Protein backbone atom coordinates (compact mmCIF):
# COMPACT_ATOMS: atom_id res chain seq x y z
CA MET A 1 17.14 -147.87 201.30
CA SER A 2 16.60 -151.45 199.85
CA ASP A 3 13.30 -153.22 199.53
CA LEU A 4 9.85 -151.69 199.44
CA HIS A 5 9.23 -148.88 201.86
CA PRO A 6 6.17 -146.78 202.45
CA MET A 7 6.39 -143.05 201.85
CA LEU A 8 4.66 -140.12 203.47
CA VAL A 9 3.48 -138.17 200.37
CA LEU A 10 3.63 -134.48 200.66
CA SER A 11 2.54 -133.42 197.24
CA PRO A 12 -1.13 -132.86 196.53
CA ILE A 13 -3.22 -135.41 194.58
CA SER A 14 -3.81 -132.92 191.72
CA PHE A 15 0.05 -132.63 191.16
CA ASN A 16 0.61 -136.43 191.50
CA ALA A 17 -2.13 -137.23 188.91
CA ARG A 18 -1.03 -134.51 186.42
CA THR A 19 2.67 -135.16 186.48
CA GLY A 20 2.92 -138.84 187.49
CA LEU A 21 5.40 -137.81 190.25
CA ILE A 22 5.11 -137.72 194.01
CA ILE A 23 7.16 -135.75 196.49
CA GLY A 24 7.53 -137.30 199.85
CA LEU A 25 9.45 -138.67 202.81
CA PRO A 26 10.47 -142.32 203.08
CA MET A 27 9.47 -144.37 206.07
CA THR A 28 11.37 -147.20 207.83
CA THR A 29 11.48 -149.23 210.92
CA ALA A 30 15.29 -149.33 211.35
CA ALA A 31 15.82 -148.99 215.11
CA TYR A 32 18.82 -146.77 214.90
CA ASN A 33 16.50 -143.96 213.83
CA ALA A 34 15.38 -143.73 217.46
CA THR A 35 18.19 -141.32 218.15
CA ASN A 36 18.07 -139.49 214.73
CA PRO A 37 16.69 -135.97 215.45
CA PHE A 38 15.24 -135.78 211.82
CA ALA A 39 13.36 -139.14 212.05
CA LEU A 40 9.91 -138.77 213.43
CA ALA A 41 8.48 -141.79 215.32
CA ILE A 42 4.89 -142.27 214.33
CA GLY A 43 3.89 -145.39 216.07
CA ALA A 44 3.73 -149.18 215.63
CA ALA A 45 4.40 -150.77 212.36
CA SER A 46 2.00 -153.22 210.72
CA GLY A 47 2.20 -156.37 208.58
CA SER A 48 5.55 -158.26 208.81
CA LYS A 49 7.05 -155.38 210.79
CA VAL A 50 4.63 -155.79 213.82
CA GLY A 51 6.44 -154.98 217.09
CA LYS A 52 8.58 -152.30 215.47
CA ILE A 53 8.29 -148.55 215.45
CA SER A 54 7.80 -146.71 212.16
CA TYR A 55 9.81 -143.54 211.53
CA VAL A 56 9.35 -140.81 208.81
CA LEU A 57 12.82 -139.79 207.64
CA CYS A 58 12.18 -136.05 207.38
CA HIS A 59 15.77 -135.40 206.21
CA GLN A 60 15.49 -137.52 203.04
CA PRO A 61 12.81 -135.93 200.76
CA LYS A 62 12.45 -137.93 197.51
CA SER A 63 10.52 -137.66 194.23
CA PHE A 64 9.77 -140.41 191.80
CA ASP A 65 7.48 -141.48 189.03
CA TRP A 66 4.77 -143.48 190.93
CA ARG A 67 3.27 -144.85 187.74
CA ALA A 68 6.52 -146.32 186.50
CA ARG A 69 7.09 -147.90 189.86
CA GLY A 70 3.62 -149.21 190.31
CA ALA A 71 3.26 -147.45 193.67
CA LYS A 72 -0.03 -147.71 195.47
CA PRO A 73 -1.52 -146.48 198.66
CA HIS A 74 -0.44 -148.15 201.98
CA SER A 75 -2.94 -150.64 203.43
CA GLN A 76 -2.97 -148.54 206.58
CA GLY A 77 -4.23 -145.41 204.73
CA LYS A 78 -3.34 -141.89 205.69
CA LEU A 79 -1.09 -140.75 208.45
CA ALA A 80 -2.77 -138.82 211.28
CA ASP A 81 -3.03 -135.12 210.56
CA ALA A 82 -1.06 -134.27 213.69
CA ASP A 83 1.77 -136.55 212.62
CA PHE A 84 1.68 -135.19 209.06
CA THR A 85 2.02 -131.60 210.57
CA LYS A 86 4.95 -132.78 212.74
CA ALA A 87 6.89 -134.19 209.75
CA CYS A 88 6.34 -131.06 207.77
CA ALA A 89 7.67 -129.05 210.72
CA VAL A 90 10.80 -131.11 210.89
CA LEU A 91 11.34 -130.83 207.14
CA ASN A 92 10.79 -127.11 207.40
CA GLN A 93 13.68 -126.93 209.89
CA ILE A 94 15.98 -128.30 207.20
CA ILE A 95 14.77 -126.54 204.06
CA THR A 96 12.60 -123.69 205.28
CA ILE A 97 9.53 -124.19 203.05
CA GLU A 98 7.40 -121.67 204.92
């Protein structure tokens, strides 16, 4: 994935602060994800992507050093609890974390 992309952060703030790492799922507006069973549509995008649907890519968990990359919270804030739960459920189908 090129360019900047938002990420749904799964790891808790205490872990992120202590290690400088985050674990999460990338997000995109690529339309071909509409048929991807592991991409969760979470609603309309904002900013320059207005008019597109945002997808959480539940099959692509990532970790990275947020400090080194200068990552910051998304301007739209947190994902709705119900959507966060759905994303975790899809990820759990792949790696069985529960």
